[in-house]
């Protein structure tokens, strides 16, 4: 019998050279999400829906570009503080906390998520960091 309900929390972060209002908008608007939300060039997010409010739902369709696999990443928002914080619970019960730290013309984004039990922690961290790095590149170039 397992007695520990401890979940491993993983952190990824990036400093985006843009004010928090722009970072928030690009993070949360579906037309932007579909442009940056992939871990590699072989994947994409052809569709995103986002009801950014406490109790609101989001869904991002993530697919391999060759059509070999895909999945819906979805959840429900627990905390929404505009330009500051987003927390949500994904379908399998894992929690994600995102903080946007405003420093004038740059914004630090820190994501802390519950690791899943099916993949090594290092792989999960690398994938989430790759997505965050894509977000940084996209937001800074537009």
N, C-alpha and C. Protein backbone atom coordinates (compact mmCIF):
# COMPACT_ATOMS: atom_id res chain seq x y z
N UNK A 1 0.84 -1.18 0.00
CA UNK A 1 0.00 0.00 0.00
C UNK A 1 0.88 1.25 0.00
N UNK A 2 0.63 2.13 -0.93
CA UNK A 2 1.41 3.36 -1.02
C UNK A 2 0.89 4.38 -0.02
N UNK A 3 1.81 4.92 0.78
CA UNK A 3 1.39 5.87 1.81
C UNK A 3 1.72 7.31 1.46
N UNK A 4 2.52 7.52 0.43
CA UNK A 4 2.93 8.88 0.09
C UNK A 4 2.12 9.43 -1.08
N UNK A 5 1.54 10.60 -0.89
CA UNK A 5 0.84 11.29 -1.97
C UNK A 5 1.68 12.45 -2.49
N UNK A 6 2.97 12.44 -2.15
CA UNK A 6 3.86 13.51 -2.58
C UNK A 6 4.01 13.47 -4.10
N UNK A 7 3.80 14.61 -4.72
CA UNK A 7 4.02 14.73 -6.15
C UNK A 7 5.31 15.50 -6.37
N UNK A 8 6.05 15.09 -7.37
CA UNK A 8 7.26 15.81 -7.72
C UNK A 8 6.87 17.07 -8.48
N UNK A 9 7.36 18.21 -8.00
CA UNK A 9 7.11 19.50 -8.65
C UNK A 9 8.34 19.86 -9.47
N UNK A 10 8.12 20.30 -10.69
CA UNK A 10 9.19 20.63 -11.61
C UNK A 10 9.04 22.10 -12.00
N UNK A 11 10.18 22.80 -12.09
CA UNK A 11 10.17 24.22 -12.42
C UNK A 11 10.90 24.48 -13.74
N UNK A 12 10.28 25.32 -14.59
CA UNK A 12 10.94 25.85 -15.78
C UNK A 12 10.73 27.36 -15.75
N UNK A 13 11.64 28.10 -16.38
CA UNK A 13 11.50 29.56 -16.35
C UNK A 13 12.24 30.20 -17.51
N UNK A 14 11.84 31.42 -17.81
CA UNK A 14 12.49 32.21 -18.86
C UNK A 14 12.21 33.68 -18.60
N UNK A 15 13.12 34.52 -19.05
CA UNK A 15 12.93 35.96 -19.00
C UNK A 15 12.64 36.43 -20.42
N UNK A 16 11.44 37.00 -20.60
CA UNK A 16 10.99 37.46 -21.91
C UNK A 16 11.22 38.96 -22.00
N UNK A 17 11.83 39.40 -23.07
CA UNK A 17 12.10 40.82 -23.28
C UNK A 17 10.84 41.50 -23.82
N UNK A 18 9.85 41.64 -22.96
CA UNK A 18 8.58 42.27 -23.30
C UNK A 18 7.85 42.59 -22.00
N UNK A 19 7.03 43.63 -22.00
CA UNK A 19 6.26 43.97 -20.80
C UNK A 19 5.22 42.90 -20.48
N UNK A 20 4.82 42.84 -19.22
CA UNK A 20 3.92 41.78 -18.76
C UNK A 20 2.58 41.77 -19.50
N UNK A 21 2.07 42.93 -19.90
CA UNK A 21 0.78 42.97 -20.62
C UNK A 21 0.87 42.19 -21.94
N UNK A 22 1.97 42.37 -22.68
CA UNK A 22 2.15 41.64 -23.94
C UNK A 22 2.36 40.16 -23.66
N UNK A 23 3.18 39.84 -22.67
CA UNK A 23 3.45 38.45 -22.33
C UNK A 23 2.14 37.75 -21.97
N UNK A 24 1.32 38.38 -21.16
CA UNK A 24 0.03 37.82 -20.75
C UNK A 24 -0.86 37.56 -21.97
N UNK A 25 -0.93 38.55 -22.85
CA UNK A 25 -1.78 38.44 -24.04
C UNK A 25 -1.32 37.28 -24.94
N UNK A 26 -0.02 37.20 -25.20
CA UNK A 26 0.50 36.15 -26.07
C UNK A 26 0.40 34.78 -25.42
N UNK A 27 0.45 34.74 -24.10
CA UNK A 27 0.33 33.47 -23.37
C UNK A 27 -1.11 32.95 -23.42
N UNK A 28 -2.09 33.86 -23.44
CA UNK A 28 -3.47 33.45 -23.21
C UNK A 28 -4.41 33.51 -24.42
N UNK A 29 -4.05 34.21 -25.48
CA UNK A 29 -4.94 34.31 -26.63
C UNK A 29 -4.71 33.16 -27.61
N UNK A 30 -5.78 32.42 -27.96
CA UNK A 30 -5.64 31.24 -28.81
C UNK A 30 -4.87 31.48 -30.11
N UNK A 31 -5.06 32.64 -30.74
CA UNK A 31 -4.36 32.89 -32.01
C UNK A 31 -2.85 32.96 -31.81
N UNK A 32 -2.39 33.26 -30.61
CA UNK A 32 -0.96 33.24 -30.32
C UNK A 32 -0.53 31.86 -29.82
N UNK A 33 -1.33 31.23 -28.99
CA UNK A 33 -0.98 29.91 -28.44
C UNK A 33 -0.64 28.93 -29.55
N UNK A 34 -1.40 28.95 -30.63
CA UNK A 34 -1.16 28.01 -31.73
C UNK A 34 0.17 28.27 -32.45
N UNK A 35 0.75 29.43 -32.24
CA UNK A 35 2.01 29.78 -32.91
C UNK A 35 3.26 29.33 -32.12
N UNK A 36 3.14 29.16 -30.79
CA UNK A 36 4.33 28.86 -30.00
C UNK A 36 4.27 27.56 -29.19
N UNK A 37 3.11 26.96 -29.07
CA UNK A 37 2.95 25.84 -28.13
C UNK A 37 3.33 24.49 -28.74
N UNK A 38 4.64 24.28 -28.86
CA UNK A 38 5.17 22.98 -29.27
C UNK A 38 6.58 22.84 -28.72
N UNK A 39 6.97 21.59 -28.46
CA UNK A 39 8.29 21.33 -27.88
C UNK A 39 9.37 21.16 -28.94
N UNK A 40 8.97 20.88 -30.18
CA UNK A 40 9.96 20.72 -31.25
C UNK A 40 9.33 21.12 -32.58
N UNK A 41 10.16 21.26 -33.59
CA UNK A 41 9.70 21.66 -34.93
C UNK A 41 8.82 20.58 -35.58
N UNK A 42 8.85 19.36 -35.07
CA UNK A 42 8.07 18.27 -35.66
C UNK A 42 6.64 18.23 -35.10
N UNK A 43 6.34 19.10 -34.13
CA UNK A 43 5.02 19.17 -33.53
C UNK A 43 4.41 20.54 -33.77
N UNK A 44 3.09 20.62 -33.61
CA UNK A 44 2.41 21.90 -33.68
C UNK A 44 1.12 21.83 -32.88
N UNK A 45 0.52 23.00 -32.69
CA UNK A 45 -0.78 23.10 -32.00
C UNK A 45 -1.76 23.73 -32.98
N UNK A 46 -2.50 22.92 -33.72
CA UNK A 46 -3.39 23.46 -34.75
C UNK A 46 -4.63 24.17 -34.20
N UNK A 47 -4.95 23.92 -32.90
CA UNK A 47 -6.17 24.51 -32.35
C UNK A 47 -5.99 24.79 -30.87
N UNK A 48 -6.55 25.92 -30.42
CA UNK A 48 -6.54 26.26 -29.00
C UNK A 48 -7.84 26.95 -28.65
N UNK A 49 -8.34 26.65 -27.47
CA UNK A 49 -9.52 27.31 -26.90
C UNK A 49 -9.12 27.75 -25.50
N UNK A 50 -9.59 28.93 -25.07
CA UNK A 50 -9.19 29.41 -23.76
C UNK A 50 -10.25 30.33 -23.16
N UNK A 51 -10.80 29.91 -22.04
CA UNK A 51 -11.75 30.71 -21.26
C UNK A 51 -11.03 31.09 -19.97
N UNK A 52 -10.22 32.15 -20.04
CA UNK A 52 -9.30 32.51 -18.98
C UNK A 52 -10.01 33.23 -17.83
N UNK A 53 -10.60 32.42 -16.95
CA UNK A 53 -11.25 32.91 -15.73
C UNK A 53 -11.31 31.73 -14.77
N UNK A 54 -11.43 32.02 -13.48
CA UNK A 54 -11.53 30.94 -12.49
C UNK A 54 -12.73 30.07 -12.86
N UNK A 55 -12.51 28.77 -12.97
CA UNK A 55 -13.55 27.83 -13.39
C UNK A 55 -13.63 27.67 -14.89
N UNK A 56 -12.94 28.53 -15.65
CA UNK A 56 -12.93 28.44 -17.10
C UNK A 56 -12.05 27.28 -17.57
N UNK A 57 -12.32 26.82 -18.77
CA UNK A 57 -11.59 25.67 -19.33
C UNK A 57 -10.70 26.13 -20.47
N UNK A 58 -9.63 25.36 -20.66
CA UNK A 58 -8.77 25.56 -21.83
C UNK A 58 -8.51 24.22 -22.48
N UNK A 59 -8.19 24.27 -23.76
CA UNK A 59 -7.82 23.07 -24.51
C UNK A 59 -6.87 23.49 -25.61
N UNK A 60 -5.77 22.79 -25.70
CA UNK A 60 -4.84 22.98 -26.80
C UNK A 60 -4.60 21.62 -27.44
N UNK A 61 -4.84 21.54 -28.73
CA UNK A 61 -4.60 20.30 -29.47
C UNK A 61 -3.13 20.29 -29.88
N UNK A 62 -2.41 19.26 -29.48
CA UNK A 62 -1.00 19.12 -29.82
C UNK A 62 -0.85 17.88 -30.70
N UNK A 63 -0.19 18.05 -31.85
CA UNK A 63 -0.07 16.96 -32.81
C UNK A 63 1.32 16.93 -33.45
N UNK A 64 1.76 15.73 -33.78
CA UNK A 64 2.94 15.58 -34.63
C UNK A 64 2.55 16.07 -36.02
N UNK A 65 3.42 16.82 -36.67
CA UNK A 65 3.10 17.36 -37.99
C UNK A 65 2.87 16.27 -39.03
N UNK A 66 3.48 15.09 -38.82
CA UNK A 66 3.29 13.99 -39.77
C UNK A 66 2.00 13.21 -39.52
N UNK A 67 1.23 13.64 -38.50
CA UNK A 67 -0.06 13.00 -38.21
C UNK A 67 0.04 11.69 -37.46
N UNK A 68 1.23 11.31 -37.02
CA UNK A 68 1.41 10.01 -36.38
C UNK A 68 0.84 9.94 -34.97
N UNK A 69 0.71 11.08 -34.30
CA UNK A 69 0.13 11.08 -32.95
C UNK A 69 -0.31 12.48 -32.58
N UNK A 70 -1.12 12.54 -31.54
CA UNK A 70 -1.60 13.83 -31.06
C UNK A 70 -2.41 13.64 -29.79
N UNK A 71 -2.63 14.74 -29.09
CA UNK A 71 -3.42 14.67 -27.87
C UNK A 71 -3.96 16.06 -27.54
N UNK A 72 -5.01 16.08 -26.72
CA UNK A 72 -5.56 17.33 -26.21
C UNK A 72 -4.98 17.58 -24.83
N UNK A 73 -4.40 18.76 -24.65
CA UNK A 73 -3.93 19.20 -23.34
C UNK A 73 -4.99 20.16 -22.83
N UNK A 74 -5.64 19.79 -21.72
CA UNK A 74 -6.76 20.60 -21.26
C UNK A 74 -6.82 20.63 -19.74
N UNK A 75 -7.57 21.61 -19.24
CA UNK A 75 -7.73 21.73 -17.81
C UNK A 75 -8.70 22.84 -17.44
N UNK A 76 -8.75 23.11 -16.14
CA UNK A 76 -9.66 24.11 -15.59
C UNK A 76 -8.84 25.07 -14.73
N UNK A 77 -9.10 26.35 -14.89
CA UNK A 77 -8.37 27.38 -14.14
C UNK A 77 -8.83 27.45 -12.69
N UNK A 78 -7.85 27.48 -11.77
CA UNK A 78 -8.09 27.62 -10.34
C UNK A 78 -7.84 29.05 -9.87
N UNK A 79 -6.82 29.71 -10.43
CA UNK A 79 -6.46 31.07 -10.07
C UNK A 79 -6.13 31.83 -11.35
N UNK A 80 -6.68 33.04 -11.47
CA UNK A 80 -6.34 33.92 -12.59
C UNK A 80 -6.21 35.33 -12.03
N UNK A 81 -4.97 35.84 -12.01
CA UNK A 81 -4.70 37.22 -11.60
C UNK A 81 -4.00 37.88 -12.78
N UNK A 82 -4.73 38.72 -13.49
CA UNK A 82 -4.24 39.28 -14.75
C UNK A 82 -2.83 39.84 -14.63
N UNK A 83 -2.00 39.45 -15.59
CA UNK A 83 -0.60 39.87 -15.71
C UNK A 83 0.29 39.39 -14.57
N UNK A 84 -0.24 38.53 -13.67
CA UNK A 84 0.54 38.10 -12.50
C UNK A 84 0.61 36.59 -12.30
N UNK A 85 -0.55 35.90 -12.35
CA UNK A 85 -0.55 34.49 -11.98
C UNK A 85 -1.67 33.73 -12.66
N UNK A 86 -1.36 32.50 -13.03
CA UNK A 86 -2.34 31.53 -13.51
C UNK A 86 -2.04 30.21 -12.83
N UNK A 87 -3.07 29.58 -12.29
CA UNK A 87 -2.95 28.22 -11.77
C UNK A 87 -4.09 27.40 -12.35
N UNK A 88 -3.79 26.17 -12.71
CA UNK A 88 -4.84 25.31 -13.26
C UNK A 88 -4.60 23.86 -12.89
N UNK A 89 -5.65 23.07 -13.08
CA UNK A 89 -5.60 21.63 -12.87
C UNK A 89 -5.87 20.96 -14.20
N UNK A 90 -4.95 20.08 -14.62
CA UNK A 90 -5.16 19.36 -15.87
C UNK A 90 -6.07 18.16 -15.63
N UNK A 91 -6.51 17.55 -16.70
CA UNK A 91 -7.50 16.48 -16.63
C UNK A 91 -7.15 15.33 -15.72
N UNK A 92 -5.86 15.03 -15.56
CA UNK A 92 -5.47 13.91 -14.70
C UNK A 92 -5.24 14.33 -13.25
N UNK A 93 -5.58 15.59 -12.91
CA UNK A 93 -5.49 16.05 -11.53
C UNK A 93 -4.19 16.76 -11.16
N UNK A 94 -3.23 16.78 -12.08
CA UNK A 94 -1.98 17.47 -11.78
C UNK A 94 -2.20 18.98 -11.77
N UNK A 95 -1.41 19.67 -10.96
CA UNK A 95 -1.52 21.13 -10.81
C UNK A 95 -0.36 21.82 -11.52
N UNK A 96 -0.66 23.01 -12.05
CA UNK A 96 0.34 23.85 -12.70
C UNK A 96 0.16 25.27 -12.16
N UNK A 97 1.27 25.90 -11.77
CA UNK A 97 1.26 27.27 -11.29
C UNK A 97 2.22 28.08 -12.15
N UNK A 98 1.75 29.20 -12.67
CA UNK A 98 2.57 30.07 -13.51
C UNK A 98 2.56 31.47 -12.92
N UNK A 99 3.75 32.02 -12.76
CA UNK A 99 3.89 33.38 -12.23
C UNK A 99 4.54 34.25 -13.29
N UNK A 100 4.01 35.45 -13.47
CA UNK A 100 4.54 36.44 -14.40
C UNK A 100 5.09 37.59 -13.55
N UNK A 101 6.41 37.76 -13.55
CA UNK A 101 7.05 38.76 -12.71
C UNK A 101 7.47 39.93 -13.59
N UNK A 102 6.78 41.05 -13.40
CA UNK A 102 6.99 42.26 -14.21
C UNK A 102 8.23 43.01 -13.75
N UNK A 103 9.10 43.29 -14.71
CA UNK A 103 10.28 44.09 -14.41
C UNK A 103 10.45 45.12 -15.54
N UNK A 104 9.41 45.93 -15.72
CA UNK A 104 9.47 46.97 -16.75
C UNK A 104 9.30 46.39 -18.14
N UNK A 105 10.36 46.43 -18.94
CA UNK A 105 10.29 45.93 -20.31
C UNK A 105 10.66 44.47 -20.43
N UNK A 106 10.76 43.77 -19.31
CA UNK A 106 10.97 42.33 -19.36
C UNK A 106 10.08 41.67 -18.31
N UNK A 107 9.76 40.42 -18.57
CA UNK A 107 8.87 39.66 -17.69
C UNK A 107 9.47 38.28 -17.48
N UNK A 108 9.63 37.90 -16.22
CA UNK A 108 10.08 36.55 -15.90
C UNK A 108 8.86 35.66 -15.76
N UNK A 109 8.86 34.55 -16.48
CA UNK A 109 7.78 33.58 -16.41
C UNK A 109 8.33 32.33 -15.71
N UNK A 110 7.67 31.94 -14.63
CA UNK A 110 8.07 30.76 -13.87
C UNK A 110 6.89 29.79 -13.86
N UNK A 111 7.11 28.60 -14.37
CA UNK A 111 6.08 27.55 -14.38
C UNK A 111 6.52 26.44 -13.44
N UNK A 112 5.63 26.05 -12.56
CA UNK A 112 5.89 24.92 -11.66
C UNK A 112 4.75 23.93 -11.87
N UNK A 113 5.10 22.70 -12.22
CA UNK A 113 4.06 21.71 -12.52
C UNK A 113 4.31 20.39 -11.80
N UNK A 114 3.22 19.69 -11.52
CA UNK A 114 3.30 18.34 -10.99
C UNK A 114 3.74 17.42 -12.12
N UNK A 115 4.79 16.67 -11.87
CA UNK A 115 5.26 15.72 -12.87
C UNK A 115 4.27 14.56 -13.00
N UNK A 116 4.20 14.02 -14.19
CA UNK A 116 3.39 12.81 -14.38
C UNK A 116 4.25 11.60 -14.04
N UNK A 117 3.63 10.45 -13.88
CA UNK A 117 4.37 9.26 -13.44
C UNK A 117 4.85 8.39 -14.60
N UNK A 118 4.48 8.71 -15.84
CA UNK A 118 4.80 7.83 -16.96
C UNK A 118 6.10 8.18 -17.69
N UNK A 119 6.61 9.39 -17.53
CA UNK A 119 7.82 9.82 -18.22
C UNK A 119 8.88 10.25 -17.20
N UNK A 120 10.17 10.07 -17.53
CA UNK A 120 11.21 10.55 -16.62
C UNK A 120 11.10 12.07 -16.41
N UNK A 121 11.41 12.52 -15.19
CA UNK A 121 11.32 13.94 -14.84
C UNK A 121 12.13 14.80 -15.81
N UNK A 122 13.33 14.35 -16.17
CA UNK A 122 14.20 15.13 -17.04
C UNK A 122 13.56 15.37 -18.40
N UNK A 123 12.87 14.37 -18.92
CA UNK A 123 12.20 14.49 -20.23
C UNK A 123 11.06 15.51 -20.13
N UNK A 124 10.28 15.42 -19.05
CA UNK A 124 9.19 16.37 -18.86
C UNK A 124 9.71 17.79 -18.73
N UNK A 125 10.75 17.96 -17.92
CA UNK A 125 11.30 19.29 -17.72
C UNK A 125 11.84 19.85 -19.05
N UNK A 126 12.53 19.02 -19.81
CA UNK A 126 13.07 19.47 -21.10
C UNK A 126 11.95 19.85 -22.06
N UNK A 127 10.88 19.09 -22.09
CA UNK A 127 9.75 19.40 -22.97
C UNK A 127 9.05 20.69 -22.59
N UNK A 128 8.77 20.88 -21.31
CA UNK A 128 8.11 22.11 -20.86
C UNK A 128 9.02 23.31 -21.07
N UNK A 129 10.34 23.12 -20.85
CA UNK A 129 11.27 24.23 -21.07
C UNK A 129 11.35 24.58 -22.55
N UNK A 130 11.32 23.58 -23.41
CA UNK A 130 11.35 23.83 -24.86
C UNK A 130 10.13 24.64 -25.29
N UNK A 131 8.96 24.32 -24.76
CA UNK A 131 7.76 25.07 -25.08
C UNK A 131 7.89 26.50 -24.58
N UNK A 132 8.38 26.68 -23.36
CA UNK A 132 8.56 28.02 -22.81
C UNK A 132 9.60 28.81 -23.64
N UNK A 133 10.64 28.15 -24.07
CA UNK A 133 11.64 28.81 -24.92
C UNK A 133 11.04 29.23 -26.26
N UNK A 134 10.15 28.40 -26.82
CA UNK A 134 9.43 28.78 -28.05
C UNK A 134 8.55 30.00 -27.81
N UNK A 135 7.89 30.02 -26.65
CA UNK A 135 7.07 31.18 -26.29
C UNK A 135 7.93 32.44 -26.24
N UNK A 136 9.08 32.35 -25.61
CA UNK A 136 10.00 33.49 -25.50
C UNK A 136 10.39 33.99 -26.89
N UNK A 137 10.82 33.08 -27.77
CA UNK A 137 11.23 33.47 -29.13
C UNK A 137 10.08 34.13 -29.88
N UNK A 138 8.91 33.52 -29.82
CA UNK A 138 7.74 34.05 -30.52
C UNK A 138 7.37 35.45 -30.01
N UNK A 139 7.29 35.60 -28.69
CA UNK A 139 6.86 36.86 -28.10
C UNK A 139 7.87 37.98 -28.37
N UNK A 140 9.13 37.66 -28.34
CA UNK A 140 10.15 38.68 -28.55
C UNK A 140 10.26 39.12 -30.01
N UNK A 141 9.90 38.26 -30.95
CA UNK A 141 10.08 38.63 -32.37
C UNK A 141 8.85 39.36 -32.96
N UNK A 142 7.70 39.23 -32.34
CA UNK A 142 6.47 39.83 -32.88
C UNK A 142 6.26 41.22 -32.32
